[in-house]
Amino acid sequence: MAKVIKQPNRQDILSLIVNYSGVTAAALAALVAGGDMTPGVVFAPADSGVAIAAIDMPVGAIVVGGYLKPDVVMDAGATDTLSLGDAVSATRYLNGADVHALTKVDLALTGYQHTAASNTLKLTWTGGTPANLSAGSGRIIINYIVAGRSESTQG
């Protein structure tokens, strides 16, 4: 006869928001010089194709949901895209998501459990004509749990 051993540990899903924006090189320099840096990732034309550290996840984190939502079109050409990944896979959660369309794009859910070597999520913008970048913004919502974490028990 089968025996069922209940798992009593429970945890809430944690969420975070990563804001991103695109600006001209001059605008980025002015932001840095003025010390007026809003939390998030700010892309300038020279950043096209560069993976930029966006957020550190806890070791053991497993992404269980989330999405990209552009608010203002990135304007460096007709093929502006964003990818989201880590040191192991640069496109683990987003692979060239179109940020020219103002549509929500769900993150790919892989079940991957982050380690100390892969806990920094990196955002990569690739612009059609990077020198033309002057605007664009949006946010990425990431929902995750942490393996081995328990907040409450049941049963």
Foldseek 3Di string as FASTA:
>chain_A
DDDDDDDFFDDDKDKDKAKEKEAEPVVVVVCVVVVPDDQHYYHYLVQAFPWAFTDFADQQKFWDWKKWFWDFAFPQDQQKFKAKFWPVDRRQFHDGHHSRDRDIGITDGDRDGHHPRTRTMTMHIHGPHSNPTHIIMTMMMTIIDGPPDGDGTDD
